[in-house]
């Protein structure tokens, strides 16, 4: 009897842990992205001096991303644990794989951005004259806004499919996930 009560209590804590991890991820990612959007000029041909002036804010934003990634991985683990025996191996693999690729793309983009900021603040003038600055900025955009966004969409679609099949969340929430994932897949696709 005591073991069954412990199992029930454990399963009741899992949704709460997933919710907390998901909310923590969202707050950290939104904070990081907001700081970046406010600090980096939208024009890719703007002077790198604008970035140098905001380098501390951008560095703070980039330093938040690993914690967002950890919260996201925790969210994935708790959701998969919650699914247990209901887990469909095909969709669970796509769910896990796309989540890992999403975090990888975010981390890769952040690492390249951090390196670029370090070089810009060190006063390396050859970055702008050689075209390295423009190339690096385009690559950061591709990692963060193209590849990561596509993986986020695949993650949302596979998660929504799992949620519809297992009915562990309300159906309307899974349908919202499909709509948002489709908009991510179709809306982001080129560098301005």
C-alpha atoms as a PDB file:
ATOM      1  CA  UNK A   1       0.000   0.000   0.000  1.00  0.00           C
ATOM      2  CA  UNK A   2       2.795   2.453   0.909  1.00  0.00           C
ATOM      3  CA  UNK A   3       4.593   1.868  -2.398  1.00  0.00           C
ATOM      4  CA  UNK A   4       1.429   2.583  -4.374  1.00  0.00           C
ATOM      5  CA  UNK A   5       0.877   5.854  -2.484  1.00  0.00           C
ATOM      6  CA  UNK A   6       4.469   6.876  -3.235  1.00  0.00           C
ATOM      7  CA  UNK A   7       3.940   6.083  -6.931  1.00  0.00           C
ATOM      8  CA  UNK A   8       0.758   8.164  -7.020  1.00  0.00           C
ATOM      9  CA  UNK A   9       2.463  11.088  -5.281  1.00  0.00           C
ATOM     10  CA  UNK A  10       5.409  10.837  -7.684  1.00  0.00           C
ATOM     11  CA  UNK A  11       3.137  10.871 -10.747  1.00  0.00           C
ATOM     12  CA  UNK A  12       1.258  13.872  -9.346  1.00  0.00           C
ATOM     13  CA  UNK A  13       4.534  15.846  -9.022  1.00  0.00           C
ATOM     14  CA  UNK A  14       5.640  15.162 -12.614  1.00  0.00           C
ATOM     15  CA  UNK A  15       3.165  17.514 -14.333  1.00  0.00           C
ATOM     16  CA  UNK A  16       4.112  20.248 -11.882  1.00  0.00           C
ATOM     17  CA  UNK A  17       7.829  19.698 -12.571  1.00  0.00           C
ATOM     18  CA  UNK A  18       7.196  19.784 -16.327  1.00  0.00           C
ATOM     19  CA  UNK A  19       5.190  22.970 -15.993  1.00  0.00           C
ATOM     20  CA  UNK A  20       7.855  24.653 -13.871  1.00  0.00           C
ATOM     21  CA  UNK A  21      10.646  23.603 -16.248  1.00  0.00           C
ATOM     22  CA  UNK A  22       8.636  24.741 -19.271  1.00  0.00           C
ATOM     23  CA  UNK A  23       7.818  28.101 -17.705  1.00  0.00           C
ATOM     24  CA  UNK A  24      11.427  28.605 -16.588  1.00  0.00           C
ATOM     25  CA  UNK A  25      12.627  27.823 -20.118  1.00  0.00           C
ATOM     26  CA  UNK A  26      10.136  30.270 -21.633  1.00  0.00           C
ATOM     27  CA  UNK A  27      11.020  33.077 -19.218  1.00  0.00           C
ATOM     28  CA  UNK A  28      14.775  32.640 -19.724  1.00  0.00           C
ATOM     29  CA  UNK A  29      14.526  32.354 -23.506  1.00  0.00           C
ATOM     30  CA  UNK A  30      12.169  35.329 -23.833  1.00  0.00           C
ATOM     31  CA  UNK A  31      14.409  37.429 -21.587  1.00  0.00           C
ATOM     32  CA  UNK A  32      17.511  36.463 -23.556  1.00  0.00           C
ATOM     33  CA  UNK A  33      15.904  37.046 -26.950  1.00  0.00           C
ATOM     34  CA  UNK A  34      14.399  40.366 -25.853  1.00  0.00           C
ATOM     35  CA  UNK A  35      17.777  41.626 -24.674  1.00  0.00           C
ATOM     36  CA  UNK A  36      19.327  40.594 -27.970  1.00  0.00           C
ATOM     37  CA  UNK A  37      16.568  42.163 -30.087  1.00  0.00           C
ATOM     38  CA  UNK A  38      16.852  45.416 -28.158  1.00  0.00           C
ATOM     39  CA  UNK A  39      20.653  45.497 -28.365  1.00  0.00           C
ATOM     40  CA  UNK A  40      21.496  44.389 -31.896  1.00  0.00           C
ATOM     41  CA  UNK A  41      20.451  46.595 -34.812  1.00  0.00           C
ATOM     42  CA  UNK A  42      18.050  44.933 -37.236  1.00  0.00           C
ATOM     43  CA  UNK A  43      20.031  46.197 -40.214  1.00  0.00           C
ATOM     44  CA  UNK A  44      22.760  43.634 -40.987  1.00  0.00           C
ATOM     45  CA  UNK A  45      24.847  46.400 -42.555  1.00  0.00           C
ATOM     46  CA  UNK A  46      24.776  48.594 -39.452  1.00  0.00           C
ATOM     47  CA  UNK A  47      28.074  49.495 -37.864  1.00  0.00           C
ATOM     48  CA  UNK A  48      29.583  46.861 -35.562  1.00  0.00           C
ATOM     49  CA  UNK A  49      30.145  49.702 -33.099  1.00  0.00           C
ATOM     50  CA  UNK A  50      26.438  49.455 -32.217  1.00  0.00           C
ATOM     51  CA  UNK A  51      27.064  45.896 -31.079  1.00  0.00           C
ATOM     52  CA  UNK A  52      30.210  46.860 -29.167  1.00  0.00           C
ATOM     53  CA  UNK A  53      28.242  49.550 -27.289  1.00  0.00           C
ATOM     54  CA  UNK A  54      25.731  46.904 -26.160  1.00  0.00           C
ATOM     55  CA  UNK A  55      28.216  44.064 -25.654  1.00  0.00           C
ATOM     56  CA  UNK A  56      27.539  43.678 -21.904  1.00  0.00           C
ATOM     57  CA  UNK A  57      23.793  43.351 -22.455  1.00  0.00           C
ATOM     58  CA  UNK A  58      24.301  40.899 -25.311  1.00  0.00           C
ATOM     59  CA  UNK A  59      26.763  38.862 -23.246  1.00  0.00           C
ATOM     60  CA  UNK A  60      24.240  38.712 -20.401  1.00  0.00           C
ATOM     61  CA  UNK A  61      21.593  37.510 -22.862  1.00  0.00           C
ATOM     62  CA  UNK A  62      23.924  34.847 -24.235  1.00  0.00           C
ATOM     63  CA  UNK A  63      24.802  33.698 -20.713  1.00  0.00           C
ATOM     64  CA  UNK A  64      21.099  33.066 -19.998  1.00  0.00           C
ATOM     65  CA  UNK A  65      20.793  30.612 -22.888  1.00  0.00           C
ATOM     66  CA  UNK A  66      22.541  27.624 -21.239  1.00  0.00           C
ATOM     67  CA  UNK A  67      20.123  27.857 -18.321  1.00  0.00           C
ATOM     68  CA  UNK A  68      17.193  28.041 -20.729  1.00  0.00           C
ATOM     69  CA  UNK A  69      18.583  24.952 -22.485  1.00  0.00           C
ATOM     70  CA  UNK A  70      18.881  23.065 -19.206  1.00  0.00           C
ATOM     71  CA  UNK A  71      15.276  23.919 -18.307  1.00  0.00           C
ATOM     72  CA  UNK A  72      14.178  22.799 -21.780  1.00  0.00           C
ATOM     73  CA  UNK A  73      15.966  19.455 -21.456  1.00  0.00           C
ATOM     74  CA  UNK A  74      14.406  19.006 -18.018  1.00  0.00           C
ATOM     75  CA  UNK A  75      10.989  19.701 -19.556  1.00  0.00           C
ATOM     76  CA  UNK A  76      11.572  17.048 -22.238  1.00  0.00           C
ATOM     77  CA  UNK A  77      12.672  14.496 -19.630  1.00  0.00           C
ATOM     78  CA  UNK A  78       9.678  15.110 -17.391  1.00  0.00           C
ATOM     79  CA  UNK A  79       7.225  14.895 -20.310  1.00  0.00           C
ATOM     80  CA  UNK A  80       8.785  11.630 -21.494  1.00  0.00           C
ATOM     81  CA  UNK A  81       8.724  10.256 -17.947  1.00  0.00           C
ATOM     82  CA  UNK A  82       5.081  11.258 -17.622  1.00  0.00           C
ATOM     83  CA  UNK A  83       4.220   9.431 -20.838  1.00  0.00           C
ATOM     84  CA  UNK A  84       5.771   6.203 -19.562  1.00  0.00           C
ATOM     85  CA  UNK A  85       4.176   3.190 -21.193  1.00  0.00           C
ATOM     86  CA  UNK A  86       1.975   5.383 -23.391  1.00  0.00           C
ATOM     87  CA  UNK A  87       5.015   6.639 -25.288  1.00  0.00           C
ATOM     88  CA  UNK A  88       5.022   5.928 -29.020  1.00  0.00           C
ATOM     89  CA  UNK A  89       8.645   5.198 -29.923  1.00  0.00           C
ATOM     90  CA  UNK A  90       8.484   6.864 -33.331  1.00  0.00           C
ATOM     91  CA  UNK A  91       7.056  10.184 -32.143  1.00  0.00           C
ATOM     92  CA  UNK A  92       9.073  10.045 -28.925  1.00  0.00           C
ATOM     93  CA  UNK A  93      12.255   9.751 -30.987  1.00  0.00           C
ATOM     94  CA  UNK A  94      11.271  12.716 -33.155  1.00  0.00           C
ATOM     95  CA  UNK A  95      10.235  14.648 -30.021  1.00  0.00           C
ATOM     96  CA  UNK A  96      13.552  13.983 -28.264  1.00  0.00           C
ATOM     97  CA  UNK A  97      15.707  14.380 -31.373  1.00  0.00           C
ATOM     98  CA  UNK A  98      14.168  17.669 -32.472  1.00  0.00           C
ATOM     99  CA  UNK A  99      14.381  19.008 -28.915  1.00  0.00           C
ATOM    100  CA  UNK A 100      18.077  18.116 -28.734  1.00  0.00           C
ATOM    101  CA  UNK A 101      18.739  19.639 -32.149  1.00  0.00           C
ATOM    102  CA  UNK A 102      16.867  22.788 -31.141  1.00  0.00           C
ATOM    103  CA  UNK A 103      19.050  23.222 -28.053  1.00  0.00           C
ATOM    104  CA  UNK A 104      22.158  22.444 -30.117  1.00  0.00           C
ATOM    105  CA  UNK A 105      21.295  25.113 -32.687  1.00  0.00           C
ATOM    106  CA  UNK A 106      20.624  27.703 -29.990  1.00  0.00           C
ATOM    107  CA  UNK A 107      23.914  26.854 -28.265  1.00  0.00           C
ATOM    108  CA  UNK A 108      25.891  26.900 -31.532  1.00  0.00           C
ATOM    109  CA  UNK A 109      24.457  30.280 -32.516  1.00  0.00           C
ATOM    110  CA  UNK A 110      25.154  31.662 -29.059  1.00  0.00           C
ATOM    111  CA  UNK A 111      28.730  30.357 -29.118  1.00  0.00           C
ATOM    112  CA  UNK A 112      29.419  31.982 -32.482  1.00  0.00           C
ATOM    113  CA  UNK A 113      27.764  35.217 -31.324  1.00  0.00           C
ATOM    114  CA  UNK A 114      29.821  35.213 -28.126  1.00  0.00           C
ATOM    115  CA  UNK A 115      33.026  34.729 -30.100  1.00  0.00           C
ATOM    116  CA  UNK A 116      32.109  37.556 -32.467  1.00  0.00           C
ATOM    117  CA  UNK A 117      31.330  39.897 -29.567  1.00  0.00           C
ATOM    118  CA  UNK A 118      34.645  39.014 -27.949  1.00  0.00           C
ATOM    119  CA  UNK A 119      36.545  39.800 -31.135  1.00  0.00           C
ATOM    120  CA  UNK A 120      34.620  43.038 -31.724  1.00  0.00           C
ATOM    121  CA  UNK A 121      35.225  44.297 -28.197  1.00  0.00           C
ATOM    122  CA  UNK A 122      38.928  43.426 -28.534  1.00  0.00           C
ATOM    123  CA  UNK A 123      39.022  45.944 -31.368  1.00  0.00           C
ATOM    124  CA  UNK A 124      39.758  43.647 -34.267  1.00  0.00           C
ATOM    125  CA  UNK A 125      39.124  46.024 -37.190  1.00  0.00           C
ATOM    126  CA  UNK A 126      39.892  43.423 -39.846  1.00  0.00           C
ATOM    127  CA  UNK A 127      36.593  41.678 -39.049  1.00  0.00           C
ATOM    128  CA  UNK A 128      34.574  44.348 -40.823  1.00  0.00           C
ATOM    129  CA  UNK A 129      36.933  45.026 -43.722  1.00  0.00           C
ATOM    130  CA  UNK A 130      37.436  41.338 -44.559  1.00  0.00           C
ATOM    131  CA  UNK A 131      33.753  40.488 -44.533  1.00  0.00           C
ATOM    132  CA  UNK A 132      34.078  38.120 -41.571  1.00  0.00           C
ATOM    133  CA  UNK A 133      31.640  40.245 -39.548  1.00  0.00           C
ATOM    134  CA  UNK A 134      28.926  40.061 -42.225  1.00  0.00           C
ATOM    135  CA  UNK A 135      29.469  36.332 -42.767  1.00  0.00           C
ATOM    136  CA  UNK A 136      29.429  35.560 -39.048  1.00  0.00           C
ATOM    137  CA  UNK A 137      26.316  37.625 -38.485  1.00  0.00           C
ATOM    138  CA  UNK A 138      24.541  35.766 -41.322  1.00  0.00           C
ATOM    139  CA  UNK A 139      25.572  32.416 -39.840  1.00  0.00           C
ATOM    140  CA  UNK A 140      24.308  33.381 -36.397  1.00  0.00           C
ATOM    141  CA  UNK A 141      21.003  34.352 -37.985  1.00  0.00           C
ATOM    142  CA  UNK A 142      20.804  31.018 -39.786  1.00  0.00           C
ATOM    143  CA  UNK A 143      21.528  28.994 -36.648  1.00  0.00           C
ATOM    144  CA  UNK A 144      19.184  30.907 -34.364  1.00  0.00           C
ATOM    145  CA  UNK A 145      16.349  31.936 -36.665  1.00  0.00           C
ATOM    146  CA  UNK A 146      16.250  29.353 -39.423  1.00  0.00           C
ATOM    147  CA  UNK A 147      17.533  26.005 -38.222  1.00  0.00           C
ATOM    148  CA  UNK A 148      16.559  26.339 -34.565  1.00  0.00           C
ATOM    149  CA  UNK A 149      13.106  27.613 -35.516  1.00  0.00           C
ATOM    150  CA  UNK A 150      12.526  24.653 -37.845  1.00  0.00           C
ATOM    151  CA  UNK A 151      13.556  22.229 -35.097  1.00  0.00           C
ATOM    152  CA  UNK A 152      11.260  24.011 -32.649  1.00  0.00           C
ATOM    153  CA  UNK A 153       8.410  23.524 -35.122  1.00  0.00           C
ATOM    154  CA  UNK A 154       9.180  19.804 -35.507  1.00  0.00           C
ATOM    155  CA  UNK A 155       9.379  19.510 -31.717  1.00  0.00           C
ATOM    156  CA  UNK A 156       5.989  21.184 -31.351  1.00  0.00           C
ATOM    157  CA  UNK A 157       4.378  19.004 -34.027  1.00  0.00           C
ATOM    158  CA  UNK A 158       5.698  15.752 -32.587  1.00  0.00           C
ATOM    159  CA  UNK A 159       4.773  16.871 -29.075  1.00  0.00           C
ATOM    160  CA  UNK A 160       1.270  17.824 -30.198  1.00  0.00           C
ATOM    161  CA  UNK A 161       0.871  14.445 -31.897  1.00  0.00           C
ATOM    162  CA  UNK A 162       1.970  12.669 -28.725  1.00  0.00           C
ATOM    163  CA  UNK A 163      -0.428  14.803 -26.670  1.00  0.00           C
ATOM    164  CA  UNK A 164      -3.364  14.081 -28.997  1.00  0.00           C
ATOM    165  CA  UNK A 165      -2.687  10.328 -28.944  1.00  0.00           C
ATOM    166  CA  UNK A 166      -2.129  10.025 -25.198  1.00  0.00           C
ATOM    167  CA  UNK A 167      -4.643  12.684 -24.131  1.00  0.00           C
ATOM    168  CA  UNK A 168      -2.372  13.880 -21.309  1.00  0.00           C
ATOM    169  CA  UNK A 169      -3.201  17.503 -22.110  1.00  0.00           C
ATOM    170  CA  UNK A 170      -6.456  19.043 -23.354  1.00  0.00           C
ATOM    171  CA  UNK A 171      -7.001  18.492 -27.085  1.00  0.00           C
ATOM    172  CA  UNK A 172      -7.336  22.223 -27.788  1.00  0.00           C
ATOM    173  CA  UNK A 173      -3.803  22.783 -26.444  1.00  0.00           C
ATOM    174  CA  UNK A 174      -2.380  20.190 -28.829  1.00  0.00           C
ATOM    175  CA  UNK A 175      -4.256  21.793 -31.723  1.00  0.00           C
ATOM    176  CA  UNK A 176      -2.816  25.196 -30.808  1.00  0.00           C
ATOM    177  CA  UNK A 177       0.598  23.502 -30.931  1.00  0.00           C
ATOM    178  CA  UNK A 178      -0.074  22.303 -34.489  1.00  0.00           C
ATOM    179  CA  UNK A 179      -1.130  25.783 -35.615  1.00  0.00           C
ATOM    180  CA  UNK A 180       1.892  27.484 -34.043  1.00  0.00           C
ATOM    181  CA  UNK A 181       4.287  24.852 -35.391  1.00  0.00           C
ATOM    182  CA  UNK A 182       2.889  25.232 -38.900  1.00  0.00           C
ATOM    183  CA  UNK A 183       3.290  29.002 -38.713  1.00  0.00           C
ATOM    184  CA  UNK A 184       6.928  28.565 -37.608  1.00  0.00           C
ATOM    185  CA  UNK A 185       7.635  26.176 -40.466  1.00  0.00           C
ATOM    186  CA  UNK A 186       6.119  28.450 -43.083  1.00  0.00           C
ATOM    187  CA  UNK A 187       6.968  31.950 -41.872  1.00  0.00           C
ATOM    188  CA  UNK A 188      10.725  31.908 -41.304  1.00  0.00           C
ATOM    189  CA  UNK A 189      12.751  31.089 -44.347  1.00  0.00           C
ATOM    190  CA  UNK A 190      15.162  33.694 -45.639  1.00  0.00           C
ATOM    191  CA  UNK A 191      17.657  36.276 -44.553  1.00  0.00           C
ATOM    192  CA  UNK A 192      16.464  39.842 -45.016  1.00  0.00           C
END
